[in-house]
Amino acid sequence: QVQLVESGGGLVQDGGSLRLSCAAYGLIFSINNMGWYRQGPGKQRELVATITSGGNTNYADSVKGRFTISTDNAKNTVYLQMNSLKPEDTAVYYCKIRVPTYDYWGRGTQVTVSS
C-alpha cells in the first residue's frame, strides 16, 4: 500500500520561511514526477511547483523566486522550501507523486502566514 507522509507545515509570520517534506512509502513503480499543490480558503486547488524525474522544474508565477522544489530520489522524498512567505500563501499544501498510470496524493499540511 502506497503512503505519502507530509510534514513541515505550521504558523509563520509574514516574510518567514518553512520547509515542507513529503515521503512516499510502498511504491513499486518508478516516479515520473513529484509536485506540490495548495488549496486556500474558498479557493480551488492549484499547482505550486513540480519536478520531473530528470530534474526539470515548473513553478506557479505567484511563487517564482520565493519557493524551491527539490527531491531526494533515494528516499522517494520531495521538498518545498518556502521563503518570503505572504499571507496569501496560507493554504493546505498537498504533495502529489505520479507513477505510470496513477497519481498519489498526500493528505495535506496546513500552512498559515500571519500578517
PDB file of N, CA and C in Angstrom:
ATOM      1  N   GLN A   1       0.842  -1.183   0.000  1.00  0.00           N
ATOM      2  CA  GLN A   1       0.000   0.000   0.000  1.00  0.00           C
ATOM      3  C   GLN A   1       0.887   1.245   0.000  1.00  0.00           C
ATOM      4  N   VAL A   2       0.587   2.156  -0.918  1.00  0.00           N
ATOM      5  CA  VAL A   2       1.375   3.380  -1.028  1.00  0.00           C
ATOM      6  C   VAL A   2       0.887   4.390  -0.001  1.00  0.00           C
ATOM      7  N   GLN A   3       1.833   5.040   0.649  1.00  0.00           N
ATOM      8  CA  GLN A   3       1.500   6.069   1.630  1.00  0.00           C
ATOM      9  C   GLN A   3       2.418   7.259   1.435  1.00  0.00           C
ATOM     10  N   LEU A   4       1.816   8.462   1.418  1.00  0.00           N
ATOM     11  CA  LEU A   4       2.569   9.706   1.338  1.00  0.00           C
ATOM     12  C   LEU A   4       2.472  10.399   2.686  1.00  0.00           C
ATOM     13  N   VAL A   5       3.609  10.707   3.281  1.00  0.00           N
ATOM     14  CA  VAL A   5       3.649  11.328   4.593  1.00  0.00           C
ATOM     15  C   VAL A   5       4.233  12.727   4.461  1.00  0.00           C
ATOM     16  N   GLU A   6       3.399  13.723   4.721  1.00  0.00           N
ATOM     17  CA  GLU A   6       3.803  15.123   4.628  1.00  0.00           C
ATOM     18  C   GLU A   6       4.137  15.671   6.006  1.00  0.00           C
ATOM     19  N   SER A   7       5.051  16.629   6.023  1.00  0.00           N
ATOM     20  CA  SER A   7       5.400  17.293   7.279  1.00  0.00           C
ATOM     21  C   SER A   7       5.957  18.670   6.981  1.00  0.00           C
ATOM     22  N   GLY A   8       6.031  19.500   8.029  1.00  0.00           N
ATOM     23  CA  GLY A   8       6.680  20.790   7.894  1.00  0.00           C
ATOM     24  C   GLY A   8       5.762  21.989   7.885  1.00  0.00           C
ATOM     25  N   GLY A   9       4.470  21.773   7.853  1.00  0.00           N
ATOM     26  CA  GLY A   9       3.560  22.912   7.877  1.00  0.00           C
ATOM     27  C   GLY A   9       3.532  23.573   9.243  1.00  0.00           C
ATOM     28  N   GLY A  10       2.836  24.704   9.316  1.00  0.00           N
ATOM     29  CA  GLY A  10       2.726  25.395  10.587  1.00  0.00           C
ATOM     30  C   GLY A  10       2.349  26.837  10.412  1.00  0.00           C
ATOM     31  N   LEU A  11       2.525  27.589  11.500  1.00  0.00           N
ATOM     32  CA  LEU A  11       2.202  29.015  11.531  1.00  0.00           C
ATOM     33  C   LEU A  11       3.501  29.816  11.475  1.00  0.00           C
ATOM     34  N   VAL A  12       3.536  30.798  10.588  1.00  0.00           N
ATOM     35  CA  VAL A  12       4.727  31.619  10.424  1.00  0.00           C
ATOM     36  C   VAL A  12       4.301  33.055  10.142  1.00  0.00           C
ATOM     37  N   GLN A  13       5.137  33.994  10.490  1.00  0.00           N
ATOM     38  CA  GLN A  13       4.828  35.399  10.230  1.00  0.00           C
ATOM     39  C   GLN A  13       5.144  35.779   8.787  1.00  0.00           C
ATOM     40  N   ASP A  14       4.521  36.834   8.353  1.00  0.00           N
ATOM     41  CA  ASP A  14       4.778  37.405   7.029  1.00  0.00           C
ATOM     42  C   ASP A  14       6.292  37.592   6.850  1.00  0.00           C
ATOM     43  N   GLY A  15       6.824  37.079   5.731  1.00  0.00           N
ATOM     44  CA  GLY A  15       8.254  37.172   5.470  1.00  0.00           C
ATOM     45  C   GLY A  15       9.063  35.995   5.961  1.00  0.00           C
ATOM     46  N   GLY A  16       8.433  35.091   6.680  1.00  0.00           N
ATOM     47  CA  GLY A  16       9.125  33.939   7.235  1.00  0.00           C
ATOM     48  C   GLY A  16       9.323  32.815   6.229  1.00  0.00           C
ATOM     49  N   SER A  17       9.875  31.705   6.733  1.00  0.00           N
ATOM     50  CA  SER A  17      10.187  30.560   5.883  1.00  0.00           C
ATOM     51  C   SER A  17       9.675  29.267   6.515  1.00  0.00           C
ATOM     52  N   LEU A  18       9.363  28.320   5.659  1.00  0.00           N
ATOM     53  CA  LEU A  18       9.015  26.964   6.070  1.00  0.00           C
ATOM     54  C   LEU A  18       9.544  25.998   5.024  1.00  0.00           C
ATOM     55  N   ARG A  19       9.781  24.761   5.460  1.00  0.00           N
ATOM     56  CA  ARG A  19      10.191  23.709   4.530  1.00  0.00           C
ATOM     57  C   ARG A  19       9.254  22.527   4.686  1.00  0.00           C
ATOM     58  N   LEU A  20       8.576  22.188   3.597  1.00  0.00           N
ATOM     59  CA  LEU A  20       7.678  21.042   3.585  1.00  0.00           C
ATOM     60  C   LEU A  20       8.408  19.811   3.050  1.00  0.00           C
ATOM     61  N   SER A  21       8.043  18.660   3.585  1.00  0.00           N
ATOM     62  CA  SER A  21       8.590  17.386   3.116  1.00  0.00           C
ATOM     63  C   SER A  21       7.452  16.426   2.822  1.00  0.00           C
ATOM     64  N   CYS A  22       7.672  15.552   1.856  1.00  0.00           N
ATOM     65  CA  CYS A  22       6.687  14.522   1.536  1.00  0.00           C
ATOM     66  C   CYS A  22       7.449  13.265   1.154  1.00  0.00           C
ATOM     67  N   ALA A  23       7.308  12.231   1.964  1.00  0.00           N
ATOM     68  CA  ALA A  23       7.993  10.967   1.721  1.00  0.00           C
ATOM     69  C   ALA A  23       6.987   9.921   1.266  1.00  0.00           C
ATOM     70  N   ALA A  24       7.350   9.186   0.233  1.00  0.00           N
ATOM     71  CA  ALA A  24       6.478   8.143  -0.307  1.00  0.00           C
ATOM     72  C   ALA A  24       6.992   6.769   0.104  1.00  0.00           C
ATOM     73  N   TYR A  25       6.066   5.954   0.607  1.00  0.00           N
ATOM     74  CA  TYR A  25       6.403   4.604   1.039  1.00  0.00           C
ATOM     75  C   TYR A  25       5.556   3.595   0.272  1.00  0.00           C
ATOM     76  N   GLY A  26       6.134   2.459  -0.020  1.00  0.00           N
ATOM     77  CA  GLY A  26       5.378   1.391  -0.651  1.00  0.00           C
ATOM     78  C   GLY A  26       5.298   1.460  -2.155  1.00  0.00           C
ATOM     79  N   LEU A  27       6.047   2.365  -2.778  1.00  0.00           N
ATOM     80  CA  LEU A  27       5.997   2.465  -4.239  1.00  0.00           C
ATOM     81  C   LEU A  27       6.704   1.283  -4.890  1.00  0.00           C
ATOM     82  N   ILE A  28       6.116   0.780  -5.963  1.00  0.00           N
ATOM     83  CA  ILE A  28       6.759  -0.293  -6.709  1.00  0.00           C
ATOM     84  C   ILE A  28       7.033   0.112  -8.143  1.00  0.00           C
ATOM     85  N   PHE A  29       6.549   1.314  -8.545  1.00  0.00           N
ATOM     86  CA  PHE A  29       6.824   1.824  -9.878  1.00  0.00           C
ATOM     87  C   PHE A  29       7.761   3.014  -9.779  1.00  0.00           C
ATOM     88  N   SER A  30       8.442   3.306 -10.861  1.00  0.00           N
ATOM     89  CA  SER A  30       9.308   4.474 -10.905  1.00  0.00           C
ATOM     90  C   SER A  30       8.461   5.738 -10.903  1.00  0.00           C
ATOM     91  N   ILE A  31       8.993   6.772 -10.280  1.00  0.00           N
ATOM     92  CA  ILE A  31       8.286   8.042 -10.211  1.00  0.00           C
ATOM     93  C   ILE A  31       8.538   8.835 -11.485  1.00  0.00           C
ATOM     94  N   ASN A  32       7.456   9.351 -12.070  1.00  0.00           N
ATOM     95  CA  ASN A  32       7.586  10.217 -13.238  1.00  0.00           C
ATOM     96  C   ASN A  32       7.848  11.666 -12.828  1.00  0.00           C
ATOM     97  N   ASN A  33       7.031  12.138 -11.918  1.00  0.00           N
ATOM     98  CA  ASN A  33       7.267  13.464 -11.377  1.00  0.00           C
ATOM     99  C   ASN A  33       6.611  13.600 -10.020  1.00  0.00           C
ATOM    100  N   MET A  34       7.009  14.645  -9.309  1.00  0.00           N
ATOM    101  CA  MET A  34       6.507  14.935  -7.969  1.00  0.00           C
ATOM    102  C   MET A  34       6.142  16.405  -7.925  1.00  0.00           C
ATOM    103  N   GLY A  35       5.184  16.728  -7.080  1.00  0.00           N
ATOM    104  CA  GLY A  35       4.790  18.132  -7.046  1.00  0.00           C
ATOM    105  C   GLY A  35       4.060  18.519  -5.781  1.00  0.00           C
ATOM    106  N   TRP A  36       3.890  19.808  -5.660  1.00  0.00           N
ATOM    107  CA  TRP A  36       3.131  20.403  -4.555  1.00  0.00           C
ATOM    108  C   TRP A  36       1.986  21.235  -5.114  1.00  0.00           C
ATOM    109  N   TYR A  37       0.841  21.107  -4.487  1.00  0.00           N
ATOM    110  CA  TYR A  37      -0.348  21.869  -4.824  1.00  0.00           C
ATOM    111  C   TYR A  37      -0.877  22.478  -3.528  1.00  0.00           C
ATOM    112  N   ARG A  38      -1.751  23.462  -3.657  1.00  0.00           N
ATOM    113  CA  ARG A  38      -2.315  24.065  -2.456  1.00  0.00           C
ATOM    114  C   ARG A  38      -3.757  24.477  -2.703  1.00  0.00           C
ATOM    115  N   GLN A  39      -4.492  24.544  -1.605  1.00  0.00           N
ATOM    116  CA  GLN A  39      -5.885  24.991  -1.665  1.00  0.00           C
ATOM    117  C   GLN A  39      -6.103  25.965  -0.528  1.00  0.00           C
ATOM    118  N   GLY A  40      -6.308  27.230  -0.889  1.00  0.00           N
ATOM    119  CA  GLY A  40      -6.579  28.253   0.098  1.00  0.00           C
ATOM    120  C   GLY A  40      -8.050  28.301   0.456  1.00  0.00           C
ATOM    121  N   PRO A  41      -8.397  29.045   1.488  1.00  0.00           N
ATOM    122  CA  PRO A  41      -9.794  29.145   1.910  1.00  0.00           C
ATOM    123  C   PRO A  41     -10.687  29.667   0.786  1.00  0.00           C
ATOM    124  N   GLY A  42     -11.705  28.921   0.451  1.00  0.00           N
ATOM    125  CA  GLY A  42     -12.643  29.333  -0.585  1.00  0.00           C
ATOM    126  C   GLY A  42     -12.083  29.293  -1.991  1.00  0.00           C
ATOM    127  N   LYS A  43     -10.952  28.637  -2.168  1.00  0.00           N
ATOM    128  CA  LYS A  43     -10.329  28.600  -3.493  1.00  0.00           C
ATOM    129  C   LYS A  43     -10.210  27.164  -3.998  1.00  0.00           C
ATOM    130  N   GLN A  44      -9.979  27.048  -5.297  1.00  0.00           N
ATOM    131  CA  GLN A  44      -9.724  25.743  -5.874  1.00  0.00           C
ATOM    132  C   GLN A  44      -8.266  25.344  -5.665  1.00  0.00           C
ATOM    133  N   ARG A  45      -8.027  24.044  -5.709  1.00  0.00           N
ATOM    134  CA  ARG A  45      -6.662  23.561  -5.589  1.00  0.00           C
ATOM    135  C   ARG A  45      -5.862  24.025  -6.798  1.00  0.00           C
ATOM    136  N   GLU A  46      -4.634  24.483  -6.557  1.00  0.00           N
ATOM    137  CA  GLU A  46      -3.795  25.000  -7.632  1.00  0.00           C
ATOM    138  C   GLU A  46      -2.387  24.435  -7.537  1.00  0.00           C
ATOM    139  N   LEU A  47      -1.730  24.403  -8.678  1.00  0.00           N
ATOM    140  CA  LEU A  47      -0.358  23.936  -8.734  1.00  0.00           C
ATOM    141  C   LEU A  47       0.565  24.975  -8.092  1.00  0.00           C
ATOM    142  N   VAL A  48       1.519  24.481  -7.315  1.00  0.00           N
ATOM    143  CA  VAL A  48       2.550  25.349  -6.747  1.00  0.00           C
ATOM    144  C   VAL A  48       3.867  25.118  -7.480  1.00  0.00           C
ATOM    145  N   ALA A  49       4.303  23.847  -7.522  1.00  0.00           N
ATOM    146  CA  ALA A  49       5.572  23.530  -8.168  1.00  0.00           C
ATOM    147  C   ALA A  49       5.621  22.045  -8.479  1.00  0.00           C
ATOM    148  N   THR A  50       6.306  21.705  -9.561  1.00  0.00           N
ATOM    149  CA  THR A  50       6.508  20.306  -9.911  1.00  0.00           C
ATOM    150  C   THR A  50       7.964  20.093 -10.315  1.00  0.00           C
ATOM    151  N   ILE A  51       8.393  18.835 -10.218  1.00  0.00           N
ATOM    152  CA  ILE A  51       9.749  18.474 -10.628  1.00  0.00           C
ATOM    153  C   ILE A  51       9.688  17.092 -11.259  1.00  0.00           C
ATOM    154  N   THR A  52      10.325  16.948 -12.416  1.00  0.00           N
ATOM    155  CA  THR A  52      10.321  15.659 -13.101  1.00  0.00           C
ATOM    156  C   THR A  52      11.463  14.781 -12.579  1.00  0.00           C
ATOM    157  N   SER A  53      11.427  13.519 -12.990  1.00  0.00           N
ATOM    158  CA  SER A  53      12.498  12.605 -12.596  1.00  0.00           C
ATOM    159  C   SER A  53      13.841  13.063 -13.142  1.00  0.00           C
ATOM    160  N   GLY A  54      13.803  13.863 -14.207  1.00  0.00           N
ATOM    161  CA  GLY A  54      15.033  14.392 -14.780  1.00  0.00           C
ATOM    162  C   GLY A  54      15.495  15.692 -14.163  1.00  0.00           C
ATOM    163  N   GLY A  55      14.707  16.213 -13.231  1.00  0.00           N
ATOM    164  CA  GLY A  55      15.098  17.428 -12.528  1.00  0.00           C
ATOM    165  C   GLY A  55      14.539  18.719 -13.091  1.00  0.00           C
ATOM    166  N   ASN A  56      13.678  18.631 -14.101  1.00  0.00           N
ATOM    167  CA  ASN A  56      13.061  19.839 -14.647  1.00  0.00           C
ATOM    168  C   ASN A  56      11.974  20.330 -13.699  1.00  0.00           C
ATOM    169  N   THR A  57      11.976  21.624 -13.453  1.00  0.00           N
ATOM    170  CA  THR A  57      11.038  22.205 -12.501  1.00  0.00           C
ATOM    171  C   THR A  57      10.072  23.164 -13.179  1.00  0.00           C
ATOM    172  N   ASN A  58       8.934  23.335 -12.541  1.00  0.00           N
ATOM    173  CA  ASN A  58       7.926  24.262 -13.017  1.00  0.00           C
ATOM    174  C   ASN A  58       7.283  24.900 -11.791  1.00  0.00           C
ATOM    175  N   TYR A  59       7.078  26.219 -11.823  1.00  0.00           N
ATOM    176  CA  TYR A  59       6.526  26.944 -10.680  1.00  0.00           C
ATOM    177  C   TYR A  59       5.346  27.803 -11.110  1.00  0.00           C
ATOM    178  N   ALA A  60       4.410  27.960 -10.194  1.00  0.00           N
ATOM    179  CA  ALA A  60       3.372  28.955 -10.391  1.00  0.00           C
ATOM    180  C   ALA A  60       4.014  30.336 -10.361  1.00  0.00           C
ATOM    181  N   ASP A  61       3.473  31.258 -11.152  1.00  0.00           N
ATOM    182  CA  ASP A  61       4.046  32.600 -11.205  1.00  0.00           C
ATOM    183  C   ASP A  61       4.081  33.252  -9.826  1.00  0.00           C
ATOM    184  N   SER A  62       3.086  32.945  -9.014  1.00  0.00           N
ATOM    185  CA  SER A  62       2.965  33.601  -7.714  1.00  0.00           C
ATOM    186  C   SER A  62       4.060  33.197  -6.726  1.00  0.00           C
ATOM    187  N   VAL A  63       4.770  32.107  -6.998  1.00  0.00           N
ATOM    188  CA  VAL A  63       5.795  31.643  -6.054  1.00  0.00           C
ATOM    189  C   VAL A  63       7.202  31.672  -6.641  1.00  0.00           C
ATOM    190  N   LYS A  64       7.323  32.022  -7.902  1.00  0.00           N
ATOM    191  CA  LYS A  64       8.647  32.046  -8.537  1.00  0.00           C
ATOM    192  C   LYS A  64       9.576  33.000  -7.794  1.00  0.00           C
ATOM    193  N   GLY A  65      10.793  32.517  -7.558  1.00  0.00           N
ATOM    194  CA  GLY A  65      11.772  33.323  -6.850  1.00  0.00           C
ATOM    195  C   GLY A  65      11.677  33.229  -5.346  1.00  0.00           C
ATOM    196  N   ARG A  66      10.598  32.637  -4.837  1.00  0.00           N
ATOM    197  CA  ARG A  66      10.431  32.512  -3.383  1.00  0.00           C
ATOM    198  C   ARG A  66      10.438  31.052  -2.923  1.00  0.00           C
ATOM    199  N   PHE A  67       9.889  30.165  -3.739  1.00  0.00           N
ATOM    200  CA  PHE A  67       9.793  28.742  -3.392  1.00  0.00           C
ATOM    201  C   PHE A  67      10.760  27.934  -4.246  1.00  0.00           C
ATOM    202  N   THR A  68      11.276  26.850  -3.673  1.00  0.00           N
ATOM    203  CA  THR A  68      12.164  25.945  -4.396  1.00  0.00           C
ATOM    204  C   THR A  68      11.753  24.503  -4.127  1.00  0.00           C
ATOM    205  N   ILE A  69      11.530  23.762  -5.210  1.00  0.00           N
ATOM    206  CA  ILE A  69      11.191  22.338  -5.083  1.00  0.00           C
ATOM    207  C   ILE A  69      12.447  21.514  -5.333  1.00  0.00           C
ATOM    208  N   SER A  70      12.597  20.441  -4.570  1.00  0.00           N
ATOM    209  CA  SER A  70      13.752  19.562  -4.742  1.00  0.00           C
ATOM    210  C   SER A  70      13.363  18.150  -4.310  1.00  0.00           C
ATOM    211  N   THR A  71      14.212  17.196  -4.640  1.00  0.00           N
ATOM    212  CA  THR A  71      13.912  15.811  -4.303  1.00  0.00           C
ATOM    213  C   THR A  71      15.146  15.100  -3.759  1.00  0.00           C
ATOM    214  N   ASP A  72      14.883  14.045  -3.024  1.00  0.00           N
ATOM    215  CA  ASP A  72      15.894  13.058  -2.667  1.00  0.00           C
ATOM    216  C   ASP A  72      15.388  11.746  -3.237  1.00  0.00           C
ATOM    217  N   ASN A  73      15.836  11.412  -4.430  1.00  0.00           N
ATOM    218  CA  ASN A  73      15.290  10.260  -5.131  1.00  0.00           C
ATOM    219  C   ASN A  73      15.534   8.954  -4.379  1.00  0.00           C
ATOM    220  N   ALA A  74      16.649   8.869  -3.678  1.00  0.00           N
ATOM    221  CA  ALA A  74      16.945   7.651  -2.930  1.00  0.00           C
ATOM    222  C   ALA A  74      15.925   7.415  -1.827  1.00  0.00           C
ATOM    223  N   LYS A  75      15.323   8.497  -1.337  1.00  0.00           N
ATOM    224  CA  LYS A  75      14.344   8.392  -0.253  1.00  0.00           C
ATOM    225  C   LYS A  75      12.915   8.586  -0.739  1.00  0.00           C
ATOM    226  N   ASN A  76      12.723   8.721  -2.058  1.00  0.00           N
ATOM    227  CA  ASN A  76      11.383   8.995  -2.597  1.00  0.00           C
ATOM    228  C   ASN A  76      10.722  10.159  -1.857  1.00  0.00           C
ATOM    229  N   THR A  77      11.488  11.219  -1.684  1.00  0.00           N
ATOM    230  CA  THR A  77      11.019  12.371  -0.919  1.00  0.00           C
ATOM    231  C   THR A  77      11.123  13.636  -1.753  1.00  0.00           C
ATOM    232  N   VAL A  78      10.089  14.471  -1.656  1.00  0.00           N
ATOM    233  CA  VAL A  78      10.082  15.765  -2.325  1.00  0.00           C
ATOM    234  C   VAL A  78       9.962  16.841  -1.257  1.00  0.00           C
ATOM    235  N   TYR A  79      10.668  17.942  -1.475  1.00  0.00           N
ATOM    236  CA  TYR A  79      10.691  19.050  -0.533  1.00  0.00           C
ATOM    237  C   TYR A  79      10.173  20.321  -1.203  1.00  0.00           C
ATOM    238  N   LEU A  80       9.697  21.242  -0.393  1.00  0.00           N
ATOM    239  CA  LEU A  80       9.327  22.564  -0.870  1.00  0.00           C
ATOM    240  C   LEU A  80       9.858  23.573   0.139  1.00  0.00           C
ATOM    241  N   GLN A  81      10.902  24.277  -0.251  1.00  0.00           N
ATOM    242  CA  GLN A  81      11.438  25.349   0.574  1.00  0.00           C
ATOM    243  C   GLN A  81      10.689  26.625   0.239  1.00  0.00           C
ATOM    244  N   MET A  82      10.057  27.210   1.248  1.00  0.00           N
ATOM    245  CA  MET A  82       9.231  28.390   1.033  1.00  0.00           C
ATOM    246  C   MET A  82       9.827  29.558   1.812  1.00  0.00           C
ATOM    247  N   ASN A  83      10.274  30.553   1.080  1.00  0.00           N
ATOM    248  CA  ASN A  83      10.848  31.752   1.685  1.00  0.00           C
ATOM    249  C   ASN A  83       9.973  32.961   1.380  1.00  0.00           C
ATOM    250  N   SER A  84      10.189  34.030   2.133  1.00  0.00           N
ATOM    251  CA  SER A  84       9.432  35.268   1.927  1.00  0.00           C
ATOM    252  C   SER A  84       7.942  34.997   1.861  1.00  0.00           C
ATOM    253  N   LEU A  85       7.457  34.225   2.788  1.00  0.00           N
ATOM    254  CA  LEU A  85       6.047  33.851   2.790  1.00  0.00           C
ATOM    255  C   LEU A  85       5.155  35.063   2.993  1.00  0.00           C
ATOM    256  N   LYS A  86       3.983  34.994   2.356  1.00  0.00           N
ATOM    257  CA  LYS A  86       2.995  36.071   2.414  1.00  0.00           C
ATOM    258  C   LYS A  86       1.676  35.520   2.953  1.00  0.00           C
ATOM    259  N   PRO A  87       0.828  36.369   3.493  1.00  0.00           N
ATOM    260  CA  PRO A  87      -0.477  35.882   3.970  1.00  0.00           C
ATOM    261  C   PRO A  87      -1.269  35.151   2.889  1.00  0.00           C
ATOM    262  N   GLU A  88      -1.120  35.558   1.646  1.00  0.00           N
ATOM    263  CA  GLU A  88      -1.847  34.886   0.561  1.00  0.00           C
ATOM    264  C   GLU A  88      -1.320  33.488   0.251  1.00  0.00           C
ATOM    265  N   ASP A  89      -0.209  33.103   0.865  1.00  0.00           N
ATOM    266  CA  ASP A  89       0.284  31.734   0.733  1.00  0.00           C
ATOM    267  C   ASP A  89      -0.423  30.775   1.699  1.00  0.00           C
ATOM    268  N   THR A  90      -1.249  31.321   2.574  1.00  0.00           N
ATOM    269  CA  THR A  90      -1.988  30.491   3.521  1.00  0.00           C
ATOM    270  C   THR A  90      -2.874  29.503   2.776  1.00  0.00           C
ATOM    271  N   ALA A  91      -2.694  28.212   3.076  1.00  0.00           N
ATOM    272  CA  ALA A  91      -3.431  27.160   2.370  1.00  0.00           C
ATOM    273  C   ALA A  91      -3.079  25.814   2.979  1.00  0.00           C
ATOM    274  N   VAL A  92      -3.831  24.811   2.568  1.00  0.00           N
ATOM    275  CA  VAL A  92      -3.427  23.427   2.814  1.00  0.00           C
ATOM    276  C   VAL A  92      -2.581  23.004   1.623  1.00  0.00           C
ATOM    277  N   TYR A  93      -1.393  22.505   1.904  1.00  0.00           N
ATOM    278  CA  TYR A  93      -0.466  22.104   0.854  1.00  0.00           C
ATOM    279  C   TYR A  93      -0.471  20.584   0.726  1.00  0.00           C
ATOM    280  N   TYR A  94      -0.612  20.123  -0.511  1.00  0.00           N
ATOM    281  CA  TYR A  94      -0.685  18.695  -0.811  1.00  0.00           C
ATOM    282  C   TYR A  94       0.478  18.297  -1.715  1.00  0.00           C
ATOM    283  N   CYS A  95       1.079  17.172  -1.440  1.00  0.00           N
ATOM    284  CA  CYS A  95       2.053  16.657  -2.389  1.00  0.00           C
ATOM    285  C   CYS A  95       1.380  15.626  -3.286  1.00  0.00           C
ATOM    286  N   LYS A  96       1.909  15.507  -4.479  1.00  0.00           N
ATOM    287  CA  LYS A  96       1.411  14.530  -5.442  1.00  0.00           C
ATOM    288  C   LYS A  96       2.598  13.835  -6.086  1.00  0.00           C
ATOM    289  N   ILE A  97       2.481  12.533  -6.218  1.00  0.00           N
ATOM    290  CA  ILE A  97       3.520  11.743  -6.873  1.00  0.00           C
ATOM    291  C   ILE A  97       2.877  10.977  -8.011  1.00  0.00           C
ATOM    292  N   ARG A  98       3.450  11.143  -9.171  1.00  0.00           N
ATOM    293  CA  ARG A  98       2.917  10.492 -10.369  1.00  0.00           C
ATOM    294  C   ARG A  98       3.811   9.333 -10.772  1.00  0.00           C
ATOM    295  N   VAL A  99       3.171   8.154 -10.874  1.00  0.00           N
ATOM    296  CA  VAL A  99       3.844   6.984 -11.440  1.00  0.00           C
ATOM    297  C   VAL A  99       3.076   6.623 -12.707  1.00  0.00           C
ATOM    298  N   PRO A 100       3.595   5.739 -13.551  1.00  0.00           N
ATOM    299  CA  PRO A 100       2.840   5.400 -14.758  1.00  0.00           C
ATOM    300  C   PRO A 100       1.398   4.996 -14.437  1.00  0.00           C
ATOM    301  N   THR A 101       0.464   5.681 -15.015  1.00  0.00           N
ATOM    302  CA  THR A 101      -0.981   5.405 -14.950  1.00  0.00           C
ATOM    303  C   THR A 101      -1.669   5.843 -13.662  1.00  0.00           C
ATOM    304  N   TYR A 102      -0.970   6.467 -12.709  1.00  0.00           N
ATOM    305  CA  TYR A 102      -1.673   6.814 -11.467  1.00  0.00           C
ATOM    306  C   TYR A 102      -0.999   7.976 -10.744  1.00  0.00           C
ATOM    307  N   ASP A 103      -1.826   8.785 -10.068  1.00  0.00           N
ATOM    308  CA  ASP A 103      -1.358   9.860  -9.202  1.00  0.00           C
ATOM    309  C   ASP A 103      -1.698   9.535  -7.756  1.00  0.00           C
ATOM    310  N   TYR A 104      -0.707   9.692  -6.885  1.00  0.00           N
ATOM    311  CA  TYR A 104      -0.926   9.530  -5.448  1.00  0.00           C
ATOM    312  C   TYR A 104      -0.872  10.904  -4.784  1.00  0.00           C
ATOM    313  N   TRP A 105      -1.816  11.126  -3.861  1.00  0.00           N
ATOM    314  CA  TRP A 105      -1.895  12.406  -3.160  1.00  0.00           C
ATOM    315  C   TRP A 105      -1.672  12.201  -1.669  1.00  0.00           C
ATOM    316  N   GLY A 106      -1.002  13.191  -1.050  1.00  0.00           N
ATOM    317  CA  GLY A 106      -0.911  13.218   0.390  1.00  0.00           C
ATOM    318  C   GLY A 106      -2.181  13.789   0.993  1.00  0.00           C
ATOM    319  N   ARG A 107      -2.269  13.746   2.312  1.00  0.00           N
ATOM    320  CA  ARG A 107      -3.464  14.228   2.997  1.00  0.00           C
ATOM    321  C   ARG A 107      -3.448  15.735   3.203  1.00  0.00           C
ATOM    322  N   GLY A 108      -2.306  16.351   3.031  1.00  0.00           N
ATOM    323  CA  GLY A 108      -2.214  17.798   3.158  1.00  0.00           C
ATOM    324  C   GLY A 108      -1.626  18.240   4.483  1.00  0.00           C
ATOM    325  N   THR A 109      -0.967  19.386   4.443  1.00  0.00           N
ATOM    326  CA  THR A 109      -0.419  20.000   5.650  1.00  0.00           C
ATOM    327  C   THR A 109      -0.739  21.493   5.613  1.00  0.00           C
ATOM    328  N   GLN A 110      -1.196  22.016   6.739  1.00  0.00           N
ATOM    329  CA  GLN A 110      -1.651  23.401   6.795  1.00  0.00           C
ATOM    330  C   GLN A 110      -0.472  24.352   6.925  1.00  0.00           C
ATOM    331  N   VAL A 111      -0.474  25.376   6.099  1.00  0.00           N
ATOM    332  CA  VAL A 111       0.485  26.477   6.207  1.00  0.00           C
ATOM    333  C   VAL A 111      -0.312  27.756   6.426  1.00  0.00           C
ATOM    334  N   THR A 112      -0.016  28.456   7.512  1.00  0.00           N
ATOM    335  CA  THR A 112      -0.701  29.698   7.828  1.00  0.00           C
ATOM    336  C   THR A 112       0.335  30.797   7.999  1.00  0.00           C
ATOM    337  N   VAL A 113       0.141  31.872   7.238  1.00  0.00           N
ATOM    338  CA  VAL A 113       1.062  33.007   7.298  1.00  0.00           C
ATOM    339  C   VAL A 113       0.308  34.193   7.884  1.00  0.00           C
ATOM    340  N   SER A 114       0.763  34.667   9.013  1.00  0.00           N
ATOM    341  CA  SER A 114       0.088  35.780   9.683  1.00  0.00           C
ATOM    342  C   SER A 114       0.713  37.111   9.269  1.00  0.00           C
ATOM    343  N   SER A 115      -0.144  38.120   9.188  1.00  0.00           N
ATOM    344  CA  SER A 115       0.338  39.456   8.764  1.00  0.00           C
ATOM    345  C   SER A 115       0.760  40.299   9.963  1.00  0.00           C
TER     346      SER A 115
END
